[in-house]
Structure formats: structure tokens, C-alpha cells
Amino acid sequence: MLRRLTTTAAAALAAVTALSLAPATTYAQDTGNWVVRARALYLDSSNDDSTGLDLSVNNKWFPEVDISYFMTPNWALELILTYPQEHDVSAGGTKIGTLKQLPPTLTLQYHFTGMPVRPYLGAGINYTRFSSVNLPAGVTIDSSSWGFALNAGLDYPIGNGWLLNVDVKKVQIGTTVKAGGATLGDFDVDPWLFSVGVGYRF
């Protein structure tokens, strides 16, 4: 799966790079303070577990929407949103339950201008809310998580405010696991998030 994901991301990046070599027509349009993007996102979990239970959550694709506000031509704030995502929770490869996580993320980004593509780098903060937690009796986790977020990507304007987008993020998401009130350890999902999509600037 990871090999296919890497191949897909490389192909998408190659396609956008090829587009950047095309004759410039309307790509220079950078008007408007707002950008709204819709993306298909793949969550690839690190599953770093110190509980001794070999915990993991499944990787998955899901839709994501983000809203960016450009304070200057180069600096922007981006809010990444989705709806609560359900994951299987496994111990030693055996499913033991499910949970949902809602991970809104806010980043401050620097966008490079003066070229057909618009690369950007960002850093910010993630808040994740865990809900609908269904684990074995007596096993609990913290209900929320705060962590840092880093991202990099590029936009390719295609005219009339529309753009193509490729993005990758590394996000800190983790929780403390308890059984019978005793702390077992920390479970850090800390996923890589790979996404491709389209956007509109206005």
C-alpha cells in the first residue's frame, strides 16, 4: 500500500511539474485573499506504542476540506477540516475495538511566488478529539490530543481562480491508555497525511 501511495504521489507531483513547464497564460492570477480546497487524503499512521500491547489504528483514505486566508501575497493561515473518522483499533494485529477522531489543524504558511507553481511550507498546531471509543471493558484513553503540525505542498493555478494542489503533512496525535485506572503508557498515531485535490481562489 505504501509503495502504491508513494508512486501515486510521485505521479501527481510529476504531472504538476509538467504543467508548470507549459506556456504561461492565466497561471499568474493570484487575486483574492481566500482559497478553498477539496482534497482526497491518505492517513498513514506511525503507531508508536509504549503500552506493551502493540496497539495500532488502520490507515485509510478520507475527504478533507481546507480554507486558507492570505494576509499578504506570501503569508497565509490554513484551517484543515473533515468530519469524525472511524478507525479500527488493533492489539498485536487483532482488532479489539473502534474509535472516531476529529483532527482540525491550523497552520501558518509561507507561499513562494513568481513562478508557474506556488510551493509552500507551513507549521502549526493540531487538536484531535476522540469520540465513540469502543474498547475492551476497563480500557480508556484521553479524550483529546494537542500536537504540532508541519506541512509542505504546492498549488498550480489553472486560470479563473481554479488551482490543483498536492500536499503532505506530519501531525502529532497521541493519547494515554489506561486499564482499570492504571496508566499503561502512551499511544502515538503521529500520522503522515498525503493529499491531492482542487481549489478555488477568490
Protein backbone atom coordinates (compact mmCIF):
# COMPACT_ATOMS: atom_id res chain seq x y z
CA MET A 1 0.00 0.00 0.00
CA LEU A 2 2.76 2.46 0.95
CA ARG A 3 4.59 1.69 -2.31
CA ARG A 4 1.41 2.40 -4.31
CA LEU A 5 0.86 5.58 -2.31
CA THR A 6 4.41 6.77 -2.97
CA THR A 7 4.01 6.01 -6.67
CA THR A 8 0.70 7.89 -6.80
CA ALA A 9 2.14 10.92 -5.01
CA ALA A 10 5.20 10.91 -7.30
CA ALA A 11 2.98 10.71 -10.38
CA ALA A 12 0.83 13.59 -9.16
CA LEU A 13 3.90 15.71 -8.45
CA ALA A 14 5.35 14.87 -11.87
CA ALA A 15 2.09 15.87 -13.53
CA VAL A 16 2.01 19.22 -11.76
CA THR A 17 5.68 19.80 -12.59
CA ALA A 18 4.99 19.06 -16.25
CA LEU A 19 2.13 21.54 -16.19
CA SER A 20 4.48 24.16 -14.78
CA LEU A 21 6.59 23.91 -17.94
CA ALA A 22 3.62 24.79 -20.17
CA PRO A 23 3.37 28.28 -21.66
CA ALA A 24 2.21 30.80 -19.08
CA THR A 25 -1.26 32.19 -19.77
CA THR A 26 -3.52 32.72 -16.80
CA TYR A 27 -1.39 30.97 -14.17
CA ALA A 28 -0.13 34.27 -12.80
CA GLN A 29 -3.54 35.07 -11.33
CA ASP A 30 -3.07 35.43 -7.57
CA THR A 31 -6.03 37.66 -6.79
CA GLY A 32 -8.26 37.09 -3.80
CA ASN A 33 -7.49 36.59 -0.13
CA TRP A 34 -9.35 33.28 0.24
CA VAL A 35 -8.65 29.77 -1.07
CA VAL A 36 -10.96 26.81 -0.52
CA ARG A 37 -9.65 23.33 -1.42
CA ALA A 38 -11.25 19.88 -1.54
CA ARG A 39 -8.78 17.01 -1.28
CA ALA A 40 -8.57 13.24 -1.08
CA LEU A 41 -6.33 12.47 1.90
CA TYR A 42 -4.50 9.28 2.88
CA LEU A 43 -3.64 8.83 6.57
CA ASP A 44 -0.53 6.70 7.16
CA SER A 45 -0.15 6.11 10.91
CA SER A 46 3.18 5.75 12.71
CA ASN A 47 1.54 3.70 15.52
CA ASP A 48 4.24 4.33 18.16
CA ASP A 49 3.07 2.40 21.24
CA SER A 50 4.65 2.28 24.71
CA THR A 51 1.87 0.29 26.40
CA GLY A 52 3.31 -3.13 25.53
CA LEU A 53 0.04 -4.05 23.78
CA ASP A 54 1.33 -3.43 20.24
CA LEU A 55 -1.56 -1.06 19.53
CA SER A 56 -2.31 0.28 16.06
CA VAL A 57 -5.04 2.02 14.07
CA ASN A 58 -5.77 1.35 10.42
CA ASN A 59 -4.62 3.59 7.60
CA LYS A 60 -7.34 4.99 5.35
CA TRP A 61 -8.43 7.44 2.66
CA PHE A 62 -10.98 10.14 3.52
CA PRO A 63 -12.18 13.53 2.18
CA GLU A 64 -10.78 16.77 3.57
CA VAL A 65 -11.61 20.46 3.10
CA ASP A 66 -9.33 23.35 3.94
CA ILE A 67 -9.78 27.11 4.00
CA SER A 68 -6.83 29.49 3.57
CA TYR A 69 -6.71 33.21 4.23
CA PHE A 70 -3.86 35.18 2.64
CA MET A 71 -2.75 38.01 4.92
CA THR A 72 -0.13 39.03 2.32
CA PRO A 73 0.79 37.55 -1.11
CA ASN A 74 3.19 35.18 0.70
CA TRP A 75 1.77 34.53 4.17
CA ALA A 76 -1.43 32.57 4.76
CA LEU A 77 -3.32 30.83 7.53
CA GLU A 78 -4.81 27.43 6.65
CA LEU A 79 -7.53 25.59 8.58
CA ILE A 80 -7.86 21.88 7.71
CA LEU A 81 -11.25 20.28 8.36
CA THR A 82 -13.04 16.95 7.96
CA TYR A 83 -15.77 15.00 9.75
CA PRO A 84 -15.07 12.44 12.54
CA GLN A 85 -13.17 9.50 11.07
CA GLU A 86 -13.69 5.97 12.37
CA HIS A 87 -10.67 3.72 12.85
CA ASP A 88 -10.23 0.10 13.89
CA VAL A 89 -8.01 -0.32 16.95
CA SER A 90 -5.87 -3.45 17.00
CA ALA A 91 -3.54 -5.10 19.52
CA GLY A 92 -0.90 -7.37 18.03
CA GLY A 93 -2.76 -7.27 14.72
CA THR A 94 -6.10 -8.37 16.24
CA LYS A 95 -8.98 -5.91 16.22
CA ILE A 96 -10.05 -5.01 19.78
CA GLY A 97 -12.33 -2.03 19.13
CA THR A 98 -13.01 1.19 17.27
CA LEU A 99 -12.87 4.92 17.82
CA LYS A 100 -13.52 8.14 15.95
CA GLN A 101 -11.15 11.07 15.71
CA LEU A 102 -11.76 14.64 14.57
CA PRO A 103 -8.42 16.40 13.84
CA PRO A 104 -8.81 20.10 12.88
CA THR A 105 -5.38 21.63 12.16
CA LEU A 106 -4.30 25.26 11.83
CA THR A 107 -1.03 26.17 10.10
CA LEU A 108 0.81 29.35 9.19
CA GLN A 109 2.24 29.00 5.68
CA TYR A 110 4.77 30.79 3.50
CA HIS A 111 3.88 30.66 -0.22
CA PHE A 112 6.58 31.21 -2.83
CA THR A 113 5.51 33.38 -5.78
CA GLY A 114 6.91 34.46 -9.13
CA MET A 115 6.73 31.04 -10.82
CA PRO A 116 4.05 28.91 -12.52
CA VAL A 117 3.67 26.67 -9.44
CA ARG A 118 3.23 28.00 -5.92
CA PRO A 119 5.22 25.87 -3.42
CA TYR A 120 4.58 26.47 0.27
CA LEU A 121 5.85 25.44 3.71
CA GLY A 122 3.85 25.58 6.91
CA ALA A 123 3.84 24.87 10.62
CA GLY A 124 1.09 24.97 13.19
CA ILE A 125 -0.97 23.09 15.73
CA ASN A 126 -3.36 20.16 15.71
CA TYR A 127 -6.24 19.43 18.07
CA THR A 128 -7.76 15.96 17.90
CA ARG A 129 -10.98 14.96 19.63
CA PHE A 130 -11.58 11.23 20.23
CA SER A 131 -15.19 10.05 20.39
CA SER A 132 -17.31 6.88 20.09
CA VAL A 133 -14.48 4.98 21.79
CA ASN A 134 -15.33 1.27 21.88
CA LEU A 135 -12.55 -0.67 23.63
CA PRO A 136 -12.44 -3.69 25.98
CA ALA A 137 -14.07 -3.17 29.37
CA GLY A 138 -11.92 -1.08 31.70
CA VAL A 139 -9.67 0.29 28.95
CA THR A 140 -9.86 4.07 28.45
CA ILE A 141 -7.96 6.78 26.57
CA ASP A 142 -7.66 10.54 26.93
CA SER A 143 -10.48 12.30 25.11
CA SER A 144 -8.29 14.80 23.25
CA SER A 145 -4.80 15.48 21.94
CA TRP A 146 -2.75 18.59 21.16
CA GLY A 147 0.34 18.49 18.93
CA PHE A 148 2.48 20.23 16.36
CA ALA A 149 1.88 20.01 12.61
CA LEU A 150 4.25 20.55 9.67
CA ASN A 151 3.31 20.64 6.01
CA ALA A 152 4.63 21.27 2.52
CA GLY A 153 2.88 21.37 -0.82
CA LEU A 154 2.24 23.28 -3.98
CA ASP A 155 -0.61 24.92 -5.84
CA TYR A 156 -0.77 25.12 -9.61
CA PRO A 157 -3.13 27.89 -10.82
CA ILE A 158 -5.02 26.83 -13.96
CA GLY A 159 -6.99 30.02 -14.56
CA ASN A 160 -10.18 31.76 -13.46
CA GLY A 161 -9.28 31.25 -9.80
CA TRP A 162 -9.00 27.44 -10.02
CA LEU A 163 -5.91 25.51 -8.95
CA LEU A 164 -4.55 21.99 -8.49
CA ASN A 165 -2.96 21.00 -5.20
CA VAL A 166 -0.55 18.40 -3.79
CA ASP A 167 0.17 18.41 -0.04
CA VAL A 168 1.94 16.37 2.65
CA LYS A 169 1.71 16.84 6.43
CA LYS A 170 3.25 15.33 9.54
CA VAL A 171 0.95 15.67 12.56
CA GLN A 172 1.39 14.82 16.25
CA ILE A 173 -1.63 12.88 17.53
CA GLY A 174 -1.42 10.78 20.69
CA THR A 175 -3.22 9.64 23.80
CA THR A 176 -2.59 7.99 27.16
CA VAL A 177 -4.02 4.49 27.59
CA LYS A 178 -5.33 3.28 30.95
CA ALA A 179 -6.75 -0.03 32.20
CA GLY A 180 -8.67 -0.17 35.46
CA GLY A 181 -7.50 3.35 36.22
CA ALA A 182 -3.80 2.44 35.92
CA THR A 183 -1.71 4.07 33.18
CA LEU A 184 -0.36 1.55 30.68
CA GLY A 185 1.55 4.03 28.50
CA ASP A 186 1.19 6.33 25.52
CA PHE A 187 -0.10 5.52 22.08
CA ASP A 188 1.04 7.99 19.40
CA VAL A 189 -0.63 7.81 16.00
CA ASP A 190 1.59 10.65 14.63
CA PRO A 191 0.42 10.17 11.02
CA TRP A 192 1.76 11.28 7.67
CA LEU A 193 -1.06 12.83 5.64
CA PHE A 194 -0.77 12.72 1.84
CA SER A 195 -3.37 14.56 -0.23
CA VAL A 196 -4.25 15.71 -3.75
CA GLY A 197 -7.14 17.93 -4.79
CA VAL A 198 -8.50 21.08 -6.36
CA GLY A 199 -9.06 24.58 -5.04
CA TYR A 200 -10.63 27.93 -5.85
CA ARG A 201 -9.20 31.35 -5.02
CA PHE A 202 -11.46 34.36 -4.61
